[in-house]
Amino acid sequence: MAKSFIDRLIDDWMMNIFKLIIKQTGPVFVLSVYLIVGLHLYAFLWFIMRVLPKRLGTEYAYAWAAIGLIIVYNIVYNHFLAVVVKPNGPADLRKIELLRCEYKRRANRKSIVNTLEKSDRFVGLSPDVKRLLRYRHKTMLDLDLFCDKKCRKCVEVKPARTHHCSICDKCVFLYDHHCPWINNCVGLENYRYFLLFIFYLWVGLIYNGITILAIWNHHIYNDNKAIFSFLSLIDLVLGLVLVLFNGWNWYVAFCGYTTFEFWAKSTNVYGHEKM
């Protein structure tokens, strides 16, 4: 049943409000990640490390602490790159080519087309992925000439696996979704950093849970029960969410899809289920 004009107007208004909220609160979500990581690091270094050498012995305690610092480094490193590295889209690529004279360099990389077919390195890649890689040697001028598909919203050329993000209001190569926790779209250039970030974050939550269990009956735990209880609650909730989130994102990645493409398989452009 078709929606009335009033219903569509209300839906559009609510969607615009939602987009505005996500866009404006993005920096808050990003800072909250570092706040949570910093709180865990503070509790570990200030309280837990006063107990671990007595519980595990000095060598094992510092080895365990080194593992924790490696996990923290990977969480911060991958999250930071997922935030600052733009996923790239047609509009971004245009700017890059103009600023860095990308046209000349990309025009001389046509050997990639032959390499894709002959090299063992690309054996097993789906035709869609190979088609996407072929675009990497094309300039936007080339795409303008041979790609007749354009986005209805930003009127940019729309190569294979490129989709429009309604929050950023631009097309993104290999678009997966817009993530408020990185205040960025997840796409071609930062997809790997996003996957590694959520994986190491989940590993870090497990690590912290094991560490807290090791000192739960010590007086330092009882003296600082409020902060440890708060951290345990956060770890439990985030841990359960990240089990599902990691499982879903890694499954989709190994299948060769993005989240957007996976759901698009069962719905058409208007959101109705395919028969």
Protein backbone atom coordinates (compact mmCIF):
# COMPACT_ATOMS: atom_id res chain seq x y z
CA MET A 1 0.00 0.00 0.00
CA ALA A 2 1.45 3.36 -1.04
CA LYS A 3 2.12 5.90 1.66
CA SER A 4 0.26 9.18 1.70
CA PHE A 5 2.02 12.50 1.21
CA ILE A 6 1.76 13.26 4.96
CA ASP A 7 3.28 9.89 5.88
CA ARG A 8 6.18 10.41 3.50
CA LEU A 9 6.70 13.93 4.85
CA ILE A 10 6.80 12.66 8.45
CA ASP A 11 9.19 9.84 7.48
CA ASP A 12 11.52 12.27 5.70
CA TRP A 13 11.42 14.68 8.64
CA MET A 14 12.23 11.93 11.15
CA MET A 15 15.03 10.60 8.95
CA ASN A 16 16.57 14.06 8.62
CA ILE A 17 16.47 14.47 12.40
CA PHE A 18 18.14 11.07 12.82
CA LYS A 19 20.88 11.97 10.30
CA LEU A 20 21.53 15.28 12.04
CA ILE A 21 21.83 13.59 15.45
CA ILE A 22 24.26 10.95 14.15
CA LYS A 23 26.36 13.58 12.38
CA GLN A 24 26.54 16.01 15.31
CA THR A 25 27.17 13.38 18.00
CA GLY A 26 29.89 11.62 15.99
CA PRO A 27 32.80 13.34 17.80
CA VAL A 28 31.21 12.41 21.15
CA PHE A 29 31.15 8.73 20.16
CA VAL A 30 34.79 8.92 19.02
CA LEU A 31 35.93 10.54 22.28
CA SER A 32 33.93 8.03 24.33
CA VAL A 33 36.02 5.21 22.83
CA TYR A 34 39.22 6.82 24.10
CA LEU A 35 37.56 7.60 27.44
CA ILE A 36 36.65 3.94 27.94
CA VAL A 37 40.12 2.77 26.88
CA GLY A 38 41.74 5.38 29.15
CA LEU A 39 39.62 4.33 32.13
CA HIS A 40 40.62 0.70 31.66
CA LEU A 41 44.27 1.68 31.31
CA TYR A 42 44.11 3.81 34.46
CA ALA A 43 42.56 0.99 36.52
CA PHE A 44 45.11 -1.50 35.21
CA LEU A 45 48.24 0.57 35.80
CA TRP A 46 47.14 2.27 39.03
CA PHE A 47 45.43 -0.61 40.84
CA ILE A 48 45.85 -4.00 39.16
CA MET A 49 49.62 -3.77 38.60
CA ARG A 50 50.06 -3.34 42.34
CA VAL A 51 48.61 -6.82 42.80
CA LEU A 52 49.63 -8.86 39.77
CA PRO A 53 53.36 -9.27 40.66
CA LYS A 54 52.28 -10.88 43.95
CA ARG A 55 49.69 -13.09 42.28
CA LEU A 56 51.61 -14.15 39.17
CA GLY A 57 55.22 -13.38 40.01
CA THR A 58 57.16 -10.44 38.63
CA GLU A 59 58.11 -11.95 35.25
CA TYR A 60 54.65 -13.26 34.40
CA ALA A 61 52.99 -10.07 35.63
CA TYR A 62 55.08 -7.87 33.35
CA ALA A 63 54.63 -10.28 30.44
CA TRP A 64 50.85 -10.11 30.98
CA ALA A 65 51.07 -6.31 31.16
CA ALA A 66 53.05 -6.23 27.89
CA ILE A 67 50.32 -8.25 26.18
CA GLY A 68 47.76 -5.76 27.46
CA LEU A 69 49.72 -2.79 26.14
CA ILE A 70 50.01 -4.44 22.72
CA ILE A 71 46.23 -4.89 22.65
CA VAL A 72 45.67 -1.25 23.68
CA TYR A 73 48.08 -0.09 20.98
CA ASN A 74 46.20 -2.05 18.31
CA ILE A 75 42.82 -0.74 19.51
CA VAL A 76 43.96 2.89 19.44
CA TYR A 77 45.98 2.55 16.22
CA ASN A 78 43.22 0.91 14.18
CA HIS A 79 40.49 3.13 15.60
CA PHE A 80 42.49 6.28 14.87
CA LEU A 81 43.11 5.22 11.26
CA ALA A 82 39.47 4.21 10.81
CA VAL A 83 38.55 7.74 11.92
CA VAL A 84 41.09 9.78 9.94
CA VAL A 85 41.36 7.67 6.77
CA LYS A 86 38.48 8.57 4.50
CA PRO A 87 36.83 5.64 2.69
CA ASN A 88 37.00 7.61 -0.56
CA GLY A 89 34.38 8.09 -3.21
CA PRO A 90 34.06 9.75 -6.61
CA ALA A 91 34.06 13.28 -5.17
CA ASP A 92 37.09 12.57 -2.96
CA LEU A 93 38.96 11.00 -5.84
CA ARG A 94 38.34 14.03 -7.98
CA LYS A 95 39.92 16.28 -5.35
CA ILE A 96 42.90 13.97 -4.96
CA GLU A 97 43.53 13.89 -8.67
CA LEU A 98 43.39 17.65 -8.96
CA LEU A 99 45.63 18.27 -5.96
CA ARG A 100 48.24 15.60 -6.67
CA CYS A 101 48.18 15.41 -10.46
CA GLU A 102 46.84 11.88 -10.10
CA TYR A 103 45.83 11.73 -13.73
CA LYS A 104 49.32 11.11 -15.10
CA ARG A 105 50.26 8.45 -12.55
CA ARG A 106 47.03 6.50 -12.89
CA ALA A 107 46.99 6.70 -16.69
CA ASN A 108 50.29 4.76 -16.77
CA ARG A 109 49.06 1.88 -14.62
CA LYS A 110 47.07 0.00 -17.25
CA SER A 111 49.36 -3.02 -16.86
CA ILE A 112 47.21 -3.86 -13.81
CA VAL A 113 44.43 -5.05 -16.13
CA ASN A 114 46.67 -7.75 -17.62
CA THR A 115 48.18 -8.59 -14.24
CA LEU A 116 44.73 -9.30 -12.79
CA GLU A 117 44.16 -12.04 -15.36
CA LYS A 118 47.63 -13.63 -15.36
CA SER A 119 49.05 -13.29 -11.84
CA ASP A 120 48.53 -16.07 -9.26
CA ARG A 121 48.09 -13.33 -6.67
CA PHE A 122 44.51 -12.68 -7.83
CA VAL A 123 43.39 -16.29 -8.26
CA GLY A 124 40.01 -16.87 -6.59
CA LEU A 125 38.83 -13.26 -6.64
CA SER A 126 35.26 -12.80 -7.75
CA PRO A 127 34.56 -10.93 -11.01
CA ASP A 128 33.07 -8.04 -8.99
CA VAL A 129 36.28 -7.59 -6.99
CA LYS A 130 38.41 -7.74 -10.14
CA ARG A 131 36.13 -5.15 -11.74
CA LEU A 132 36.63 -2.90 -8.71
CA LEU A 133 40.43 -3.30 -8.87
CA ARG A 134 40.41 -2.35 -12.52
CA TYR A 135 38.89 0.99 -11.56
CA ARG A 136 41.98 1.75 -9.50
CA HIS A 137 44.00 2.55 -12.64
CA LYS A 138 41.23 4.75 -14.04
CA THR A 139 41.05 8.48 -13.55
CA MET A 140 37.73 10.14 -12.86
CA LEU A 141 37.89 11.54 -16.40
CA ASP A 142 38.03 7.96 -17.71
CA LEU A 143 35.12 6.95 -15.51
CA ASP A 144 33.10 9.95 -16.71
CA LEU A 145 33.56 8.77 -20.30
CA PHE A 146 32.66 5.09 -20.00
CA CYS A 147 30.52 4.87 -16.84
CA ASP A 148 26.98 6.00 -17.60
CA LYS A 149 25.57 5.14 -14.17
CA LYS A 150 25.27 8.19 -11.90
CA CYS A 151 24.04 8.74 -8.37
CA ARG A 152 20.59 10.34 -8.22
CA LYS A 153 21.51 12.26 -5.05
CA CYS A 154 25.02 13.66 -5.58
CA VAL A 155 25.08 13.27 -9.41
CA GLU A 156 28.54 11.65 -9.33
CA VAL A 157 29.56 8.68 -11.45
CA LYS A 158 28.76 5.44 -9.67
CA PRO A 159 31.15 2.56 -10.45
CA ALA A 160 30.49 -0.99 -9.24
CA ARG A 161 30.08 -1.38 -5.46
CA THR A 162 29.77 2.38 -4.92
CA HIS A 163 26.83 3.59 -2.82
CA HIS A 164 25.58 6.87 -1.40
CA CYS A 165 25.87 7.62 2.33
CA SER A 166 22.89 9.72 3.35
CA ILE A 167 24.64 10.98 6.51
CA CYS A 168 27.85 12.14 4.81
CA ASP A 169 25.81 13.02 1.71
CA LYS A 170 28.33 11.55 -0.74
CA CYS A 171 29.06 8.34 -2.60
CA VAL A 172 31.61 5.94 -1.13
CA PHE A 173 33.60 3.19 -2.85
CA LEU A 174 32.85 -0.27 -1.37
CA TYR A 175 30.37 1.33 1.04
CA ASP A 176 29.63 -0.81 4.11
CA HIS A 177 27.85 1.52 6.55
CA HIS A 178 28.23 4.78 8.45
CA CYS A 179 29.67 4.13 11.91
CA PRO A 180 29.14 6.76 14.63
CA TRP A 181 31.95 5.25 16.73
CA ILE A 182 34.49 6.37 14.14
CA ASN A 183 32.39 9.32 12.89
CA ASN A 184 33.10 8.11 9.39
CA CYS A 185 31.85 5.86 6.64
CA VAL A 186 33.33 2.37 6.46
CA GLY A 187 34.47 1.86 2.89
CA LEU A 188 37.28 0.92 0.54
CA GLU A 189 40.24 2.62 2.24
CA ASN A 190 39.40 2.14 5.93
CA TYR A 191 37.45 -1.15 5.97
CA ARG A 192 40.45 -3.16 7.22
CA TYR A 193 41.11 -0.71 10.06
CA PHE A 194 37.48 -0.92 11.17
CA LEU A 195 37.51 -4.73 11.21
CA LEU A 196 40.77 -4.83 13.17
CA PHE A 197 39.50 -2.19 15.59
CA ILE A 198 36.37 -4.13 16.58
CA PHE A 199 38.37 -7.38 16.78
CA TYR A 200 41.07 -5.98 19.09
CA LEU A 201 38.45 -4.18 21.15
CA TRP A 202 36.70 -7.52 21.78
CA VAL A 203 40.05 -9.17 22.64
CA GLY A 204 40.81 -6.29 25.02
CA LEU A 205 37.48 -6.76 26.83
CA ILE A 206 38.20 -10.46 27.33
CA TYR A 207 41.72 -9.62 28.55
CA ASN A 208 40.41 -7.09 31.05
CA GLY A 209 37.76 -9.51 32.33
CA ILE A 210 40.37 -12.20 32.97
CA THR A 211 42.60 -9.66 34.72
CA ILE A 212 39.83 -8.46 37.04
CA LEU A 213 38.93 -12.06 37.92
CA ALA A 214 42.55 -12.61 38.98
CA ILE A 215 42.27 -9.98 41.74
CA TRP A 216 38.56 -10.08 42.64
CA ASN A 217 39.21 -11.36 46.19
CA HIS A 218 42.05 -8.93 46.94
CA HIS A 219 41.53 -5.93 49.23
CA ILE A 220 42.45 -3.51 46.39
CA TYR A 221 39.44 -4.80 44.47
CA ASN A 222 37.20 -4.35 47.50
CA ASP A 223 38.61 -0.88 48.23
CA ASN A 224 37.88 0.22 44.65
CA LYS A 225 34.80 -1.87 44.04
CA ALA A 226 32.86 0.96 42.41
CA ILE A 227 35.28 1.48 39.53
CA PHE A 228 35.84 -2.27 39.00
CA SER A 229 32.12 -2.98 39.06
CA PHE A 230 31.55 -0.21 36.53
CA LEU A 231 34.30 -1.55 34.24
CA SER A 232 32.99 -5.11 34.58
CA LEU A 233 29.49 -4.00 33.59
CA ILE A 234 30.81 -2.12 30.55
CA ASP A 235 32.97 -5.08 29.56
CA LEU A 236 30.08 -7.52 29.88
CA VAL A 237 27.65 -5.46 27.80
CA LEU A 238 30.19 -4.47 25.14
CA GLY A 239 31.62 -7.99 25.06
CA LEU A 240 28.24 -9.54 24.27
CA VAL A 241 27.51 -6.90 21.62
CA LEU A 242 30.94 -7.28 20.03
CA VAL A 243 30.63 -11.07 19.82
CA LEU A 244 27.64 -10.59 17.52
CA PHE A 245 29.10 -7.53 15.78
CA ASN A 246 32.46 -9.20 15.08
CA GLY A 247 30.81 -12.40 13.96
CA TRP A 248 28.54 -10.56 11.54
CA ASN A 249 31.17 -8.20 10.07
CA TRP A 250 33.86 -10.85 9.65
CA TYR A 251 31.36 -13.30 8.15
CA VAL A 252 30.22 -10.71 5.60
CA ALA A 253 33.84 -9.78 4.85
CA PHE A 254 34.85 -13.41 4.24
CA CYS A 255 31.81 -13.81 1.97
CA GLY A 256 33.14 -10.95 -0.15
CA TYR A 257 30.22 -8.63 0.57
CA THR A 258 29.71 -5.43 2.49
CA THR A 259 26.88 -5.01 4.99
CA PHE A 260 25.01 -2.79 2.53
CA GLU A 261 25.39 -5.30 -0.30
CA PHE A 262 24.36 -8.23 1.89
CA TRP A 263 21.05 -6.61 2.83
CA ALA A 264 20.55 -5.30 -0.70
CA LYS A 265 20.46 -8.89 -1.94
CA SER A 266 17.07 -9.41 -0.28
CA THR A 267 15.54 -5.97 -0.94
CA ASN A 268 15.23 -3.78 -3.98
CA VAL A 269 16.04 -0.06 -4.17
CA TYR A 270 12.66 0.80 -2.70
CA GLY A 271 13.12 -1.44 0.32
CA HIS A 272 10.51 -4.09 -0.64
CA GLU A 273 11.43 -7.74 -0.25
CA LYS A 274 12.22 -9.61 -3.41
CA MET A 275 9.91 -12.44 -4.30
